[in-house]
Amino acid sequence: MTTMTDTSNAARFREFKMPDVGEGLTEAEILKWYVQPGDTVADGQVVCEVETAKAAVELPIPFDGVVHELRFPEGTTVDVGQVIIAVDVAPGSGDAPAPVADPAPVAESAPAPSAEPEPEPEAPKGRQPVLVGYGVSESSTKRRARKGMAAIQAELNGHGAAPAPAAAAPEAPAPKERPLAKPPVRKLAKDLGIDLATVVPTGKDGIITREDVHAAATPVATPVPAQVQAPAPAAETVDAFVAEAVVPAGARETRIPVKGVRKAIAQAMVGSAFTAPHVTEFVTVDVTRTMKLVAELKEDKDMAGVRVNPLLLIAKALLVAIKRNPGINAAWDEPNQEIVQKHYVNLGIAAATPRGLIVPNIKDAHDLTLPQLAAALGELVATARDGKTSPAAMAGGTVTITNVGVFGVDTGTPILNPGESAILAVGAIKLQPWVHKGKVKPRQVTTLALSFDHRLVDGELGSKVLADVAAILENPKRLITWA
């Protein structure tokens, strides 16, 4: 009889494991739990936010039940395949076993077979438990409202659980609804030590914004010294959103754990810098005509509803240069000792976000018209700002643009994005004295820097690409004849 009872209890519990997103990632950090033991969860409800080496994503659970145990606290890095949450899928059917005191991985704790929760069965086709943005249908990822504790207690009573407390006992108040805020805002609040429940929302539909969090932190936060503050971003920029640092009063140094996106950046940059022999070439160019074209396009009815800025025309100029010099769009395959020529362009745009540098790319950018390219750039920026860029959006890039000019920098020597052969750095566009038609005149001038992999790109090819980009920006009418 005892064995039957233990088996029945074990069958009540299902485990949800850290999923594999299929992008070569092996671990993720739990940033935020949205549920606690005793909460009712529904199929498709987001239960936590995790950060992989590429992005922060929300994790939906693929079954109904009541949360029995959270295996890891917030801030823990968990390997793919480890159980992170146990759910009672048949609440009220009997006394639940006591939660495990030490939330260690199942393989290490080795519980007795009679008390071990039943492993999660394979989900049917179309219902695989995956990260948000990786193939789950809209209906399966829709978040459902969490039930209050009173409703949970009523359900338990209806399934034969212990009777409700006597009428004389005071009823526990229902917990407040979880404040509405996007994952990057929740992360900011966590970093600043701000309880979102105390923040007054000003966003649409009661959503808490970054400004709301900063406003709540103002009375207690110590101002950042001017020399460590990031410069104010320009109005038209892609990589212009940098996390603010808050330094405790009197602190002489701060130690920040290297993990998540920052850890991936460090590993990728070291691997790239010491694997591909980098060569960087520079050219200073008069972009006055390009700036005039930007102003004209902003008034063009065909460009209505999309954002037009210098980066748009720089991206288009690079795409045309690649079309004229396709050898620059390639990759070095070390194991097979081959040069892989790409007949498509996935154009990467480096973006500085609160979690670090990311490089999402526009798929098949070479096929897009100018309005389509503008729309794709706008979507890329909005997604990155919201912290919703998926690992898939950062995979498969072929060539990258990094806009260092938004920080007032003239130029730089950019490091190649791993697996790519070239990266174009765009400096600040400034009014400078320039010889134009034999006379010195004030002109809009910028400096471009092209880094490339010298194993597969010779100096001649790299120079041709950079010269073509400069020629188009100097006289954008070439877009008509070269595109």
Protein backbone atom coordinates (compact mmCIF):
# COMPACT_ATOMS: atom_id res chain seq x y z
CA MET A 1 0.00 0.00 0.00
CA THR A 2 2.85 2.40 0.83
CA THR A 3 4.49 1.78 -2.54
CA MET A 4 1.23 2.53 -4.36
CA THR A 5 0.85 5.80 -2.48
CA ASP A 6 4.41 6.89 -3.28
CA THR A 7 3.93 6.06 -6.96
CA SER A 8 0.67 8.01 -7.02
CA ASN A 9 2.36 11.04 -5.48
CA ALA A 10 5.26 10.82 -7.95
CA ALA A 11 2.89 10.64 -10.91
CA ARG A 12 1.30 13.92 -9.83
CA PHE A 13 4.43 15.92 -10.55
CA ARG A 14 5.87 16.98 -13.88
CA GLU A 15 9.25 18.61 -14.35
CA PHE A 16 10.11 21.38 -16.79
CA LYS A 17 13.70 21.49 -17.99
CA MET A 18 15.79 24.33 -19.33
CA PRO A 19 15.15 24.00 -23.08
CA ASP A 20 17.73 23.88 -25.85
CA VAL A 21 17.07 26.65 -28.39
CA GLY A 22 19.11 24.92 -31.06
CA GLU A 23 21.63 27.77 -31.47
CA GLY A 24 24.59 26.05 -29.81
CA LEU A 25 23.78 27.46 -26.36
CA THR A 26 24.47 25.25 -23.36
CA GLU A 27 23.33 27.35 -20.41
CA ALA A 28 21.13 30.25 -19.35
CA GLU A 29 20.81 32.47 -16.29
CA ILE A 30 17.47 32.74 -14.51
CA LEU A 31 16.81 36.48 -14.33
CA LYS A 32 13.31 36.53 -12.88
CA TRP A 33 10.71 34.08 -11.62
CA TYR A 34 7.15 35.15 -12.43
CA VAL A 35 5.62 32.40 -10.26
CA GLN A 36 6.14 31.03 -6.74
CA PRO A 37 5.28 27.70 -5.09
CA GLY A 38 1.51 27.48 -4.72
CA ASP A 39 0.72 29.55 -7.82
CA THR A 40 -1.53 28.07 -10.46
CA VAL A 41 0.02 27.92 -13.93
CA ALA A 42 -1.61 27.24 -17.29
CA ASP A 43 -0.32 25.72 -20.50
CA GLY A 44 1.63 28.43 -22.37
CA GLN A 45 1.99 30.77 -19.37
CA VAL A 46 5.39 32.46 -19.02
CA VAL A 47 6.95 31.32 -15.74
CA CYS A 48 10.38 32.94 -15.88
CA GLU A 49 12.77 35.13 -17.83
CA VAL A 50 16.21 33.75 -18.67
CA GLU A 51 19.28 35.25 -20.29
CA THR A 52 21.34 33.17 -22.68
CA ALA A 53 24.68 34.17 -24.15
CA LYS A 54 22.78 35.95 -26.93
CA ALA A 55 19.54 37.41 -25.59
CA ALA A 56 17.00 37.55 -22.78
CA VAL A 57 13.87 35.50 -23.44
CA GLU A 58 10.74 34.43 -21.59
CA LEU A 59 10.01 30.79 -20.91
CA PRO A 60 6.45 29.36 -21.22
CA ILE A 61 5.49 26.14 -19.46
CA PRO A 62 3.75 23.44 -21.55
CA PHE A 63 1.23 22.08 -19.01
CA ASP A 64 -1.30 23.08 -16.33
CA GLY A 65 -0.98 22.68 -12.60
CA VAL A 66 0.17 24.23 -9.32
CA VAL A 67 3.82 25.16 -8.81
CA HIS A 68 5.34 22.70 -6.34
CA GLU A 69 9.00 23.72 -6.36
CA LEU A 70 11.43 26.15 -8.00
CA ARG A 71 14.72 24.31 -8.30
CA PHE A 72 16.98 27.34 -8.69
CA PRO A 73 16.89 30.91 -7.32
CA GLU A 74 17.14 34.02 -9.47
CA GLY A 75 20.65 34.78 -10.65
CA THR A 76 21.63 31.10 -11.04
CA THR A 77 23.18 29.88 -14.30
CA VAL A 78 21.57 26.57 -15.28
CA ASP A 79 22.73 24.05 -17.87
CA VAL A 80 20.37 23.12 -20.70
CA GLY A 81 18.44 19.97 -19.74
CA GLN A 82 18.40 20.61 -15.99
CA VAL A 83 15.03 20.68 -14.25
CA ILE A 84 14.13 24.22 -13.18
CA ILE A 85 10.55 23.84 -11.92
CA ALA A 86 8.27 21.03 -10.66
CA VAL A 87 4.50 21.31 -11.08
CA ASP A 88 1.71 19.41 -9.35
CA VAL A 89 -0.57 18.49 -12.25
CA ALA A 90 -3.19 16.87 -9.98
CA PRO A 91 -3.56 19.17 -6.96
CA GLY A 92 -5.84 18.03 -4.19
CA SER A 93 -5.44 14.31 -4.90
CA GLY A 94 -3.42 13.67 -1.78
CA ASP A 95 -0.68 14.99 0.47
CA ALA A 96 2.27 16.26 -1.52
CA PRO A 97 5.78 15.21 -0.53
CA ALA A 98 7.86 17.84 1.23
CA PRO A 99 9.90 20.07 -1.08
CA VAL A 100 13.55 19.21 -1.50
CA ALA A 101 15.62 21.34 0.90
CA ASP A 102 18.63 21.72 -1.41
CA PRO A 103 17.59 22.58 -4.98
CA ALA A 104 20.45 20.64 -6.56
CA PRO A 105 20.18 19.02 -10.00
CA VAL A 106 18.40 15.67 -10.06
CA ALA A 107 21.54 13.84 -11.17
CA GLU A 108 23.42 15.02 -8.08
CA SER A 109 20.72 14.56 -5.46
CA ALA A 110 19.81 11.01 -6.64
CA PRO A 111 16.49 10.65 -4.76
CA ALA A 112 14.91 7.27 -4.12
CA PRO A 113 12.99 5.85 -7.12
CA SER A 114 9.72 5.81 -5.22
CA ALA A 115 9.90 9.54 -4.42
CA GLU A 116 11.39 10.80 -7.69
CA PRO A 117 8.98 12.89 -9.78
CA GLU A 118 8.03 11.36 -13.07
CA PRO A 119 10.24 12.73 -15.92
CA GLU A 120 8.44 15.06 -18.27
CA PRO A 121 7.06 13.08 -21.25
CA GLU A 122 7.96 14.27 -24.74
CA ALA A 123 5.54 16.95 -25.86
CA PRO A 124 3.48 16.12 -28.95
CA LYS A 125 4.47 17.60 -32.30
CA GLY A 126 3.76 21.32 -32.40
CA ARG A 127 3.90 21.66 -28.61
CA GLN A 128 7.60 21.37 -27.90
CA PRO A 129 8.66 23.47 -24.87
CA VAL A 130 10.86 26.11 -26.43
CA LEU A 131 11.92 29.69 -25.76
CA VAL A 132 9.72 32.55 -26.88
CA GLY A 133 10.35 33.27 -30.53
CA TYR A 134 11.29 29.71 -31.48
CA GLY A 135 8.31 28.22 -33.26
CA VAL A 136 5.58 28.07 -30.65
CA SER A 137 2.25 29.09 -32.09
CA GLU A 138 0.66 32.29 -30.90
CA SER A 139 -2.03 30.47 -29.00
CA SER A 140 0.52 28.35 -27.12
CA THR A 141 2.54 31.30 -25.86
CA LYS A 142 -0.35 33.50 -24.79
CA ARG A 143 0.05 34.43 -21.16
CA ARG A 144 -2.93 33.62 -19.00
CA ALA A 145 -3.94 35.48 -15.88
CA ARG A 146 -2.61 34.08 -12.60
CA LYS A 147 -5.26 32.99 -10.16
CA GLY A 148 -5.38 34.49 -6.72
CA MET A 149 -4.65 32.41 -3.62
CA ALA A 150 -8.31 32.45 -2.67
CA ALA A 151 -9.23 30.86 -5.99
CA ILE A 152 -6.45 28.29 -5.59
CA GLN A 153 -7.66 27.43 -2.08
CA ALA A 154 -11.21 27.01 -3.41
CA GLU A 155 -9.96 24.62 -6.09
CA LEU A 156 -7.99 22.61 -3.54
CA ASN A 157 -11.04 22.37 -1.28
CA GLY A 158 -13.09 21.13 -4.21
CA HIS A 159 -10.62 18.27 -4.77
CA GLY A 160 -10.69 16.89 -1.27
CA ALA A 161 -7.93 19.01 0.30
CA ALA A 162 -8.04 20.23 3.87
CA PRO A 163 -11.20 22.26 4.62
CA ALA A 164 -11.08 26.05 4.58
CA PRO A 165 -10.25 27.83 7.87
CA ALA A 166 -13.05 28.57 10.30
CA ALA A 167 -15.17 31.66 9.61
CA ALA A 168 -13.65 33.44 12.61
CA ALA A 169 -10.16 33.25 11.14
CA PRO A 170 -9.20 36.28 9.02
CA GLU A 171 -8.99 35.55 5.30
CA ALA A 172 -5.55 36.11 3.78
CA PRO A 173 -5.64 38.96 1.27
CA ALA A 174 -5.21 38.03 -2.37
CA PRO A 175 -1.78 38.90 -3.71
CA LYS A 176 -1.45 41.97 -5.88
CA GLU A 177 -1.22 41.55 -9.63
CA ARG A 178 2.33 41.47 -10.96
CA PRO A 179 3.32 44.97 -12.18
CA LEU A 180 3.35 45.33 -15.95
CA ALA A 181 6.85 45.91 -17.34
CA LYS A 182 8.99 44.61 -20.16
CA PRO A 183 11.94 42.28 -19.35
CA PRO A 184 14.67 44.95 -19.80
CA VAL A 185 12.78 47.24 -17.42
CA ARG A 186 12.47 44.42 -14.87
CA LYS A 187 16.21 43.78 -15.17
CA LEU A 188 16.93 47.50 -14.67
CA ALA A 189 14.72 47.58 -11.58
CA LYS A 190 16.46 44.51 -10.21
CA ASP A 191 19.91 46.07 -10.79
CA LEU A 192 18.82 49.29 -9.05
CA GLY A 193 17.16 47.45 -6.17
CA ILE A 194 13.72 48.89 -6.97
CA ASP A 195 10.53 46.98 -6.15
CA LEU A 196 8.31 47.34 -9.21
CA ALA A 197 5.24 47.18 -6.97
CA THR A 198 6.25 50.59 -5.59
CA VAL A 199 6.76 52.24 -8.99
CA VAL A 200 4.05 54.48 -10.44
CA PRO A 201 3.55 53.51 -14.12
CA THR A 202 3.23 56.18 -16.78
CA GLY A 203 3.28 53.99 -19.90
CA LYS A 204 0.32 52.99 -22.02
CA ASP A 205 -2.10 50.56 -20.32
CA GLY A 206 -0.27 50.95 -17.01
CA ILE A 207 3.10 49.62 -18.24
CA ILE A 208 6.14 50.66 -16.20
CA THR A 209 8.85 52.32 -18.32
CA ARG A 210 12.60 52.77 -17.80
CA GLU A 211 11.95 56.41 -16.93
CA ASP A 212 9.52 55.32 -14.20
CA VAL A 213 12.19 53.07 -12.67
CA HIS A 214 14.80 55.82 -12.78
CA ALA A 215 12.33 58.24 -11.20
CA ALA A 216 11.72 55.77 -8.37
CA ALA A 217 15.46 55.37 -7.86
CA THR A 218 16.27 59.09 -7.87
CA PRO A 219 15.69 59.76 -4.13
CA VAL A 220 18.17 57.06 -3.08
CA ALA A 221 20.57 56.68 -5.98
CA THR A 222 23.98 58.32 -5.91
CA PRO A 223 24.69 60.41 -9.02
CA VAL A 224 27.18 58.89 -11.44
CA PRO A 225 30.40 60.84 -11.88
CA ALA A 226 30.41 62.68 -15.19
CA GLN A 227 33.50 60.86 -16.44
CA VAL A 228 31.80 57.44 -16.34
CA GLN A 229 28.47 58.41 -17.87
CA ALA A 230 27.77 57.36 -21.45
CA PRO A 231 27.34 60.31 -23.82
CA ALA A 232 23.83 61.28 -24.80
CA PRO A 233 22.71 59.36 -27.91
CA ALA A 234 22.02 61.15 -31.15
CA ALA A 235 18.45 61.40 -32.40
CA GLU A 236 19.11 59.09 -35.35
CA THR A 237 21.09 56.08 -34.21
CA VAL A 238 21.04 52.33 -33.95
CA ASP A 239 23.63 51.57 -31.25
CA ALA A 240 22.78 54.42 -28.89
CA PHE A 241 21.12 52.79 -25.91
CA VAL A 242 23.68 52.04 -23.17
CA ALA A 243 22.93 50.86 -19.64
CA GLU A 244 23.32 53.45 -16.90
CA ALA A 245 25.66 52.61 -14.03
CA VAL A 246 24.81 53.43 -10.42
CA VAL A 247 27.86 53.56 -8.14
CA PRO A 248 27.34 53.32 -4.35
CA ALA A 249 28.56 56.35 -2.38
CA GLY A 250 32.19 56.03 -1.37
CA ALA A 251 32.86 52.96 -3.51
CA ARG A 252 36.38 52.83 -4.96
CA GLU A 253 35.72 49.93 -7.29
CA THR A 254 32.89 47.67 -8.42
CA ARG A 255 33.14 44.02 -9.42
CA ILE A 256 30.68 42.79 -12.04
CA PRO A 257 30.35 39.04 -12.74
CA VAL A 258 31.13 38.20 -16.36
CA LYS A 259 28.24 36.13 -17.67
CA GLY A 260 25.43 36.10 -20.18
CA VAL A 261 25.80 38.42 -23.17
CA ARG A 262 28.94 40.11 -21.80
CA LYS A 263 30.70 36.75 -21.42
CA ALA A 264 29.73 35.77 -24.97
CA ILE A 265 31.01 39.12 -26.31
CA ALA A 266 34.37 38.66 -24.61
CA GLN A 267 34.82 35.13 -25.91
CA ALA A 268 33.76 36.04 -29.44
CA MET A 269 36.00 39.10 -29.67
CA VAL A 270 39.06 37.26 -28.36
CA GLY A 271 38.39 34.38 -30.75
CA SER A 272 37.95 36.74 -33.69
CA ALA A 273 40.93 38.99 -32.93
CA PHE A 274 43.34 36.08 -32.52
CA THR A 275 41.98 33.90 -35.32
CA ALA A 276 41.33 36.16 -38.31
CA PRO A 277 44.23 38.42 -39.39
CA HIS A 278 42.57 41.83 -39.30
CA VAL A 279 43.38 44.61 -41.74
CA THR A 280 41.69 48.02 -41.41
CA GLU A 281 41.59 50.70 -44.10
CA PHE A 282 40.26 54.25 -43.78
CA VAL A 283 38.77 56.88 -46.05
CA THR A 284 37.45 60.37 -45.29
CA VAL A 285 34.57 61.40 -47.53
CA ASP A 286 32.37 64.41 -48.25
CA VAL A 287 28.78 63.25 -47.58
CA THR A 288 27.07 66.59 -48.11
CA ARG A 289 25.01 65.27 -51.04
CA THR A 290 24.00 62.21 -49.03
CA MET A 291 22.74 64.41 -46.21
CA LYS A 292 20.71 66.45 -48.70
CA LEU A 293 19.22 63.22 -50.11
CA VAL A 294 18.27 62.12 -46.58
CA ALA A 295 16.34 65.38 -46.14
CA GLU A 296 14.60 64.88 -49.50
CA LEU A 297 13.65 61.28 -48.77
CA LYS A 298 12.04 62.33 -45.48
CA GLU A 299 9.56 64.32 -47.58
CA ASP A 300 9.06 61.57 -50.17
CA LYS A 301 5.58 60.01 -50.04
CA ASP A 302 7.05 56.61 -50.94
CA MET A 303 9.05 56.72 -47.70
CA ALA A 304 6.09 57.70 -45.53
CA GLY A 305 5.85 55.69 -42.32
CA VAL A 306 9.51 54.62 -42.24
CA ARG A 307 12.51 56.22 -40.60
CA VAL A 308 15.04 57.81 -42.93
CA ASN A 309 18.53 58.58 -41.62
CA PRO A 310 22.15 58.53 -42.87
CA LEU A 311 22.57 54.91 -41.75
CA LEU A 312 19.93 53.86 -44.27
CA LEU A 313 21.92 55.24 -47.21
CA ILE A 314 25.21 53.94 -45.78
CA ALA A 315 23.67 50.46 -45.58
CA LYS A 316 22.41 50.73 -49.14
CA ALA A 317 25.82 51.92 -50.33
CA LEU A 318 27.51 48.92 -48.69
CA LEU A 319 25.01 46.52 -50.28
CA VAL A 320 25.76 48.03 -53.70
CA ALA A 321 29.52 47.78 -53.08
CA ILE A 322 29.11 44.10 -52.16
CA LYS A 323 27.15 43.50 -55.36
CA ARG A 324 30.01 45.03 -57.36
CA ASN A 325 32.65 43.14 -55.32
CA PRO A 326 31.01 39.86 -54.22
CA GLY A 327 34.27 38.36 -52.96
CA ILE A 328 34.02 40.48 -49.79
CA ASN A 329 30.88 38.58 -48.76
CA ALA A 330 32.46 35.31 -47.72
CA ALA A 331 33.61 33.23 -44.75
CA TRP A 332 36.71 31.18 -43.92
CA ASP A 333 36.04 27.48 -43.22
CA GLU A 334 39.08 26.40 -41.22
CA PRO A 335 38.25 22.66 -40.76
CA ASN A 336 37.66 22.16 -44.50
CA GLN A 337 40.21 24.75 -45.62
CA GLU A 338 37.66 26.41 -47.89
CA ILE A 339 36.44 29.92 -48.63
CA VAL A 340 32.64 29.94 -48.46
CA GLN A 341 31.26 32.50 -50.91
CA LYS A 342 27.85 33.85 -49.81
CA HIS A 343 25.35 34.68 -52.54
CA TYR A 344 23.11 36.51 -50.09
CA VAL A 345 23.73 39.35 -47.64
CA ASN A 346 22.50 39.16 -44.05
CA LEU A 347 23.41 42.69 -43.02
CA GLY A 348 24.38 42.97 -39.35
CA ILE A 349 23.87 46.21 -37.40
CA ALA A 350 25.90 46.46 -34.17
CA ALA A 351 23.72 47.70 -31.32
CA ALA A 352 24.73 48.66 -27.78
CA THR A 353 22.00 47.55 -25.37
CA PRO A 354 21.72 47.43 -21.57
CA ARG A 355 22.91 43.80 -21.71
CA GLY A 356 25.90 44.54 -23.93
CA LEU A 357 26.74 44.64 -27.62
CA ILE A 358 24.57 42.56 -29.91
CA VAL A 359 24.60 42.26 -33.70
CA PRO A 360 21.18 41.37 -35.10
CA ASN A 361 21.05 41.15 -38.87
CA ILE A 362 18.59 41.89 -41.66
CA LYS A 363 18.02 38.66 -43.56
CA ASP A 364 18.49 38.83 -47.35
CA ALA A 365 19.08 42.57 -47.21
CA HIS A 366 20.36 42.49 -50.79
CA ASP A 367 16.82 41.82 -52.06
CA LEU A 368 15.18 44.76 -50.26
CA THR A 369 14.10 48.03 -51.82
CA LEU A 370 15.06 51.25 -50.05
CA PRO A 371 11.66 51.56 -48.27
CA GLN A 372 11.85 47.88 -47.26
CA LEU A 373 15.40 48.33 -45.97
CA ALA A 374 14.27 51.38 -43.96
CA ALA A 375 11.40 49.40 -42.43
CA ALA A 376 13.72 46.49 -41.57
CA LEU A 377 16.21 48.84 -39.88
CA GLY A 378 13.42 50.45 -37.87
CA GLU A 379 12.12 47.07 -36.71
CA LEU A 380 15.63 45.93 -35.78
CA VAL A 381 16.18 49.03 -33.63
CA ALA A 382 12.79 48.78 -31.89
CA THR A 383 13.27 45.09 -31.11
CA ALA A 384 16.76 45.66 -29.71
CA ARG A 385 15.59 48.58 -27.54
CA ASP A 386 12.82 46.41 -26.08
CA GLY A 387 15.29 43.63 -25.32
CA LYS A 388 13.35 41.23 -27.53
CA THR A 389 16.08 40.37 -30.07
CA SER A 390 16.09 36.59 -30.45
CA PRO A 391 19.22 34.45 -30.92
CA ALA A 392 17.94 33.52 -34.39
CA ALA A 393 17.98 37.21 -35.37
CA MET A 394 21.69 37.36 -34.50
CA ALA A 395 22.69 34.18 -36.33
CA GLY A 396 23.87 33.88 -39.91
CA GLY A 397 25.23 37.39 -40.47
CA THR A 398 27.63 37.93 -43.38
CA VAL A 399 28.76 41.60 -43.16
CA THR A 400 28.28 44.16 -40.36
CA ILE A 401 27.99 47.93 -39.93
CA THR A 402 28.88 49.59 -36.61
CA ASN A 403 27.93 53.23 -36.14
CA VAL A 404 30.47 54.66 -33.69
CA GLY A 405 29.73 58.18 -34.89
CA VAL A 406 26.68 58.43 -32.64
CA PHE A 407 29.07 58.79 -29.70
CA GLY A 408 30.96 61.64 -31.38
CA VAL A 409 33.82 59.35 -32.40
CA ASP A 410 35.59 60.04 -35.70
CA THR A 411 36.34 56.39 -36.48
CA GLY A 412 37.70 53.12 -35.07
CA THR A 413 39.27 49.78 -35.94
CA PRO A 414 36.33 47.39 -35.53
CA ILE A 415 36.80 43.69 -34.78
CA LEU A 416 35.09 41.27 -37.12
CA ASN A 417 31.90 39.60 -36.01
CA PRO A 418 32.89 35.90 -35.78
CA GLY A 419 32.24 34.03 -39.02
CA GLU A 420 32.16 37.20 -41.14
CA SER A 421 34.78 38.65 -43.48
CA ALA A 422 34.18 42.41 -43.19
CA ILE A 423 32.82 45.11 -40.88
CA LEU A 424 32.32 48.80 -41.73
CA ALA A 425 32.69 51.44 -39.01
CA VAL A 426 30.95 54.79 -39.60
CA GLY A 427 32.33 57.86 -37.86
CA ALA A 428 30.62 61.07 -36.80
CA ILE A 429 29.33 63.30 -39.60
CA LYS A 430 30.70 66.79 -38.95
CA LEU A 431 30.78 70.16 -40.69
CA GLN A 432 34.42 70.67 -41.75
CA PRO A 433 36.42 72.84 -44.17
CA TRP A 434 36.75 70.90 -47.41
CA VAL A 435 38.09 71.67 -50.87
CA HIS A 436 35.05 71.55 -53.16
CA LYS A 437 35.29 72.62 -56.83
CA GLY A 438 38.63 74.31 -56.17
CA LYS A 439 37.45 76.32 -53.17
CA VAL A 440 37.51 75.69 -49.43
CA LYS A 441 33.94 75.39 -48.22
CA PRO A 442 32.16 74.01 -45.14
CA ARG A 443 31.00 70.47 -46.02
CA GLN A 444 29.51 67.48 -44.17
CA VAL A 445 32.39 65.03 -43.77
CA THR A 446 32.80 61.60 -42.17
CA THR A 447 35.47 58.90 -41.90
CA LEU A 448 34.78 55.27 -42.78
CA ALA A 449 36.89 52.31 -41.59
CA LEU A 450 36.65 48.84 -43.14
CA SER A 451 38.16 45.86 -41.29
CA PHE A 452 38.42 42.59 -43.21
CA ASP A 453 39.82 39.07 -42.88
CA HIS A 454 43.12 39.08 -44.79
CA ARG A 455 43.02 35.31 -45.25
CA LEU A 456 40.31 35.66 -47.87
CA VAL A 457 40.20 39.39 -48.66
CA ASP A 458 43.25 40.94 -50.28
CA GLY A 459 44.08 44.61 -49.92
CA GLU A 460 42.91 45.29 -53.47
CA LEU A 461 39.44 43.85 -52.86
CA GLY A 462 39.06 45.57 -49.51
CA SER A 463 40.14 48.88 -51.04
CA LYS A 464 37.64 48.55 -53.90
CA VAL A 465 34.77 47.94 -51.51
CA LEU A 466 35.65 50.89 -49.29
CA ALA A 467 36.20 53.15 -52.32
CA ASP A 468 32.81 52.17 -53.77
CA VAL A 469 31.01 52.95 -50.49
CA ALA A 470 32.77 56.32 -50.32
CA ALA A 471 31.98 57.13 -53.97
CA ILE A 472 28.28 56.44 -53.48
CA LEU A 473 28.07 58.55 -50.33
CA GLU A 474 29.90 61.39 -52.06
CA ASN A 475 27.56 61.21 -55.05
CA PRO A 476 24.46 59.14 -54.18
CA LYS A 477 23.25 59.33 -57.82
CA ARG A 478 25.57 56.38 -58.38
CA LEU A 479 22.96 54.28 -56.61
CA ILE A 480 20.85 54.54 -59.76
CA THR A 481 23.53 53.25 -62.10
CA TRP A 482 25.39 50.84 -59.79
CA ALA A 483 22.53 49.20 -57.89
